[in-house]
C-alpha atoms as a PDB file:
ATOM      1  CA  ASN A   1     -70.574 -26.694 -19.534  1.00  0.00           C
ATOM      2  CA  ASN A   2     -70.615 -23.854 -17.261  1.00  0.00           C
ATOM      3  CA  VAL A   3     -68.803 -25.580 -14.556  1.00  0.00           C
ATOM      4  CA  LEU A   4     -65.999 -26.840 -16.710  1.00  0.00           C
ATOM      5  CA  ASP A   5     -65.841 -22.969 -18.261  1.00  0.00           C
ATOM      6  CA  MET A   6     -65.076 -21.875 -14.633  1.00  0.00           C
ATOM      7  CA  LYS A   7     -62.784 -24.501 -13.674  1.00  0.00           C
ATOM      8  CA  LEU A   8     -60.931 -23.725 -16.857  1.00  0.00           C
ATOM      9  CA  ARG A   9     -61.226 -19.919 -15.786  1.00  0.00           C
ATOM     10  CA  ASN A  10     -59.589 -20.825 -12.388  1.00  0.00           C
ATOM     11  CA  LEU A  11     -56.885 -23.080 -13.600  1.00  0.00           C
ATOM     12  CA  ALA A  12     -56.105 -20.254 -16.301  1.00  0.00           C
ATOM     13  CA  ALA A  13     -56.099 -17.834 -13.518  1.00  0.00           C
ATOM     14  CA  GLU A  14     -53.932 -19.855 -11.077  1.00  0.00           C
ATOM     15  CA  LYS A  15     -51.386 -20.597 -14.215  1.00  0.00           C
ATOM     16  CA  GLU A  16     -51.158 -16.743 -14.661  1.00  0.00           C
ATOM     17  CA  ARG A  17     -50.713 -16.149 -10.885  1.00  0.00           C
ATOM     18  CA  ASP A  18     -47.805 -18.815 -11.111  1.00  0.00           C
ATOM     19  CA  ARG A  19     -46.385 -16.958 -14.066  1.00  0.00           C
ATOM     20  CA  VAL A  20     -46.209 -13.606 -12.469  1.00  0.00           C
ATOM     21  CA  GLU A  21     -44.850 -15.005  -9.280  1.00  0.00           C
ATOM     22  CA  SER A  22     -42.171 -16.608 -11.237  1.00  0.00           C
ATOM     23  CA  ASN A  23     -41.376 -13.500 -13.129  1.00  0.00           C
ATOM     24  CA  ASN A  24     -40.853 -11.614  -9.755  1.00  0.00           C
ATOM     25  CA  GLU A  25     -39.086 -14.233  -8.253  1.00  0.00           C
ATOM     26  CA  ILE A  26     -36.588 -14.125 -11.387  1.00  0.00           C
ATOM     27  CA  GLU A  27     -36.201 -10.447 -11.184  1.00  0.00           C
ATOM     28  CA  THR A  28     -35.370 -10.571  -7.658  1.00  0.00           C
ATOM     29  CA  LEU A  29     -32.765 -13.039  -8.232  1.00  0.00           C
ATOM     30  CA  ARG A  30     -31.361 -11.308 -11.292  1.00  0.00           C
ATOM     31  CA  GLN A  31     -31.305  -7.941  -9.169  1.00  0.00           C
ATOM     32  CA  VAL A  32     -29.476  -9.927  -6.389  1.00  0.00           C
ATOM     33  CA  VAL A  33     -26.960 -11.360  -8.808  1.00  0.00           C
ATOM     34  CA  ASN A  34     -26.287  -7.638 -10.348  1.00  0.00           C
ATOM     35  CA  ASP A  35     -25.986  -6.295  -6.544  1.00  0.00           C
ATOM     36  CA  ARG A  36     -23.126  -8.917  -5.866  1.00  0.00           C
ATOM     37  CA  ASP A  37     -21.650  -8.329  -9.268  1.00  0.00           C
ATOM     38  CA  ALA A  38     -21.308  -4.728  -8.523  1.00  0.00           C
ATOM     39  CA  SER A  39     -19.797  -5.543  -4.942  1.00  0.00           C
ATOM     40  CA  LEU A  40     -17.018  -7.755  -6.207  1.00  0.00           C
ATOM     41  CA  LYS A  41     -16.247  -5.176  -8.777  1.00  0.00           C
ATOM     42  CA  LYS A  42     -15.670  -2.519  -6.292  1.00  0.00           C
ATOM     43  CA  MET A  43     -13.730  -4.961  -4.043  1.00  0.00           C
ATOM     44  CA  ASP A  44     -11.663  -6.039  -6.919  1.00  0.00           C
ATOM     45  CA  TYR A  45     -10.925  -2.463  -7.818  1.00  0.00           C
ATOM     46  CA  ARG A  46      -9.979  -1.585  -4.176  1.00  0.00           C
ATOM     47  CA  LEU A  47      -7.834  -4.633  -4.016  1.00  0.00           C
ATOM     48  CA  LYS A  48      -5.729  -3.568  -7.121  1.00  0.00           C
ATOM     49  CA  LEU A  49      -5.456  -0.266  -5.561  1.00  0.00           C
ATOM     50  CA  GLN A  50      -3.960  -1.669  -2.318  1.00  0.00           C
ATOM     51  CA  TYR A  51      -1.927  -4.087  -4.434  1.00  0.00           C
ATOM     52  CA  ASP A  52      -0.294  -0.924  -6.251  1.00  0.00           C
ATOM     53  CA  ASN A  53       0.122   1.149  -3.212  1.00  0.00           C
ATOM     54  CA  TYR A  54       2.072  -2.194  -1.947  1.00  0.00           C
ATOM     55  CA  GLN A  55       4.263  -2.299  -4.863  1.00  0.00           C
ATOM     56  CA  VAL A  56       4.854   1.381  -4.448  1.00  0.00           C
ATOM     57  CA  ILE A  57       5.712   1.117  -0.793  1.00  0.00           C
ATOM     58  CA  LYS A  58       8.170  -1.893  -1.577  1.00  0.00           C
ATOM     59  CA  GLU A  59       9.957  -0.050  -4.366  1.00  0.00           C
ATOM     60  CA  THR A  60      10.366   2.909  -2.044  1.00  0.00           C
ATOM     61  CA  GLU A  61      11.424   0.658   0.756  1.00  0.00           C
ATOM     62  CA  SER A  62      14.013  -0.804  -1.463  1.00  0.00           C
ATOM     63  CA  GLN A  63      15.072   2.528  -2.705  1.00  0.00           C
ATOM     64  CA  LEU A  64      15.709   3.890   0.546  1.00  0.00           C
ATOM     65  CA  VAL A  65      17.424   0.961   1.788  1.00  0.00           C
ATOM     66  CA  ASN A  66      19.844   1.621  -1.107  1.00  0.00           C
ATOM     67  CA  GLU A  67      20.454   5.129  -0.159  1.00  0.00           C
ATOM     68  CA  LEU A  68      20.959   4.215   3.498  1.00  0.00           C
ATOM     69  CA  LYS A  69      23.531   1.881   2.422  1.00  0.00           C
ATOM     70  CA  GLU A  70      25.117   4.500   0.164  1.00  0.00           C
ATOM     71  CA  VAL A  71      24.887   7.074   2.836  1.00  0.00           C
ATOM     72  CA  LYS A  72      26.480   4.638   5.546  1.00  0.00           C
ATOM     73  CA  SER A  73      29.353   3.857   3.360  1.00  0.00           C
ATOM     74  CA  GLU A  74      29.772   7.678   2.831  1.00  0.00           C
ATOM     75  CA  PHE A  75      29.772   8.374   6.371  1.00  0.00           C
ATOM     76  CA  ILE A  76      32.476   5.723   7.068  1.00  0.00           C
ATOM     77  CA  GLU A  77      34.569   7.054   4.232  1.00  0.00           C
ATOM     78  CA  PHE A  78      34.172  10.374   5.544  1.00  0.00           C
ATOM     79  CA  LYS A  79      34.952   9.484   9.474  1.00  0.00           C
ATOM     80  CA  SER A  80      37.927   7.542   8.457  1.00  0.00           C
ATOM     81  CA  ALA A  81      39.023  10.302   6.163  1.00  0.00           C
ATOM     82  CA  HIS A  82      38.840  12.698   9.126  1.00  0.00           C
ATOM     83  CA  THR A  83      40.185  10.693  11.583  1.00  0.00           C
ATOM     84  CA  THR A  84      43.304   9.657   9.830  1.00  0.00           C
ATOM     85  CA  CYS A  85      44.553  13.021   9.275  1.00  0.00           C
ATOM     86  CA  VAL A  86      47.918  13.753  10.791  1.00  0.00           C
ATOM     87  CA  PRO A  87      48.034  17.511  11.976  1.00  0.00           C
ATOM     88  CA  HIS A  88      51.096  19.603  11.492  1.00  0.00           C
ATOM     89  CA  ALA A  89      52.071  21.879  14.265  1.00  0.00           C
ATOM     90  CA  THR A  90      52.446  24.610  11.940  1.00  0.00           C
ATOM     91  CA  HIS A  91      48.877  24.534  10.571  1.00  0.00           C
ATOM     92  CA  GLU A  92      46.841  24.890  13.771  1.00  0.00           C
ATOM     93  CA  GLU A  93      44.243  27.234  12.319  1.00  0.00           C
ATOM     94  CA  GLU A  94      43.634  24.880   9.205  1.00  0.00           C
ATOM     95  CA  LEU A  95      43.585  22.205  11.384  1.00  0.00           C
ATOM     96  CA  ALA A  96      40.686  23.764  13.873  1.00  0.00           C
ATOM     97  CA  ARG A  97      38.911  24.924  10.792  1.00  0.00           C
ATOM     98  CA  LEU A  98      39.020  21.320   9.182  1.00  0.00           C
ATOM     99  CA  LYS A  99      37.797  19.791  12.722  1.00  0.00           C
ATOM    100  CA  GLU A 100      34.924  22.052  12.917  1.00  0.00           C
ATOM    101  CA  GLN A 101      34.034  21.351   9.504  1.00  0.00           C
ATOM    102  CA  SER A 102      34.031  17.778  10.201  1.00  0.00           C
ATOM    103  CA  LYS A 103      31.748  18.120  12.959  1.00  0.00           C
ATOM    104  CA  LYS A 104      29.422  19.940  11.444  1.00  0.00           C
ATOM    105  CA  GLU A 105      29.309  17.415   8.235  1.00  0.00           C
ATOM    106  CA  SER A 106      29.307  14.220  10.683  1.00  0.00           C
ATOM    107  CA  VAL A 107      26.131  15.714  12.562  1.00  0.00           C
ATOM    108  CA  SER A 108      24.675  16.352   9.209  1.00  0.00           C
ATOM    109  CA  ASP A 109      25.171  12.744   7.763  1.00  0.00           C
ATOM    110  CA  GLN A 110      24.318  11.457  11.024  1.00  0.00           C
ATOM    111  CA  LEU A 111      21.051  13.233  10.835  1.00  0.00           C
ATOM    112  CA  ARG A 112      20.241  11.959   7.295  1.00  0.00           C
ATOM    113  CA  PHE A 113      21.236   8.395   8.325  1.00  0.00           C
ATOM    114  CA  SER A 114      18.769   8.390  11.427  1.00  0.00           C
ATOM    115  CA  THR A 115      16.130   9.926   9.242  1.00  0.00           C
ATOM    116  CA  LEU A 116      16.568   7.305   6.392  1.00  0.00           C
ATOM    117  CA  THR A 117      16.423   4.561   9.183  1.00  0.00           C
ATOM    118  CA  ALA A 118      13.154   5.847  10.609  1.00  0.00           C
ATOM    119  CA  GLN A 119      11.608   6.016   7.021  1.00  0.00           C
ATOM    120  CA  ILE A 120      12.636   2.574   6.365  1.00  0.00           C
ATOM    121  CA  ARG A 121      11.029   1.281   9.613  1.00  0.00           C
ATOM    122  CA  ARG A 122       7.873   3.245   9.015  1.00  0.00           C
ATOM    123  CA  LEU A 123       7.813   1.854   5.349  1.00  0.00           C
ATOM    124  CA  LYS A 124       8.359  -1.741   6.453  1.00  0.00           C
ATOM    125  CA  LYS A 125       5.471  -1.462   8.998  1.00  0.00           C
ATOM    126  CA  GLU A 126       3.311  -0.330   6.400  1.00  0.00           C
ATOM    127  CA  ALA A 127       4.419  -2.872   3.925  1.00  0.00           C
ATOM    128  CA  GLU A 128       3.507  -5.446   6.603  1.00  0.00           C
ATOM    129  CA  GLU A 129       0.294  -4.282   7.119  1.00  0.00           C
ATOM    130  CA  VAL A 130      -0.715  -4.321   3.265  1.00  0.00           C
ATOM    131  CA  PRO A 131      -1.162  -8.121   2.816  1.00  0.00           C
ATOM    132  CA  ALA A 132      -3.325  -8.006   5.748  1.00  0.00           C
ATOM    133  CA  LYS A 133      -5.385  -5.238   4.271  1.00  0.00           C
ATOM    134  CA  ILE A 134      -5.495  -7.222   0.561  1.00  0.00           C
ATOM    135  CA  GLN A 135      -6.888 -10.465   2.708  1.00  0.00           C
ATOM    136  CA  ALA A 136      -9.412  -8.545   4.246  1.00  0.00           C
END
């Protein structure tokens, strides 16, 4: 009887150790799953932010392209309007004033045009980098 009791106690102790070990493994796996889930949520949030930034860049680029087209057409209209003027010999002072004004406006428009062109190039470069960041 004593031998049987001892064997039963040993089996019960071994079963208890196995149960505790199984519970520990389950808890470890549960923690791994929770950690991975949290990591995936962070990645998802970062991807959403990057995509939103990408959308803003694309929208801004589109707006800048439209503004650049508008400025370019205004510049062409302005340039053609000021180069087709026929000067009158009796209005030399007015002609000199208009030429000076035309030069100033032309330089200002050219500067604005080149600034917008540079912004578009920069935004295109950033927009090309966004899909790679999203995939990373």
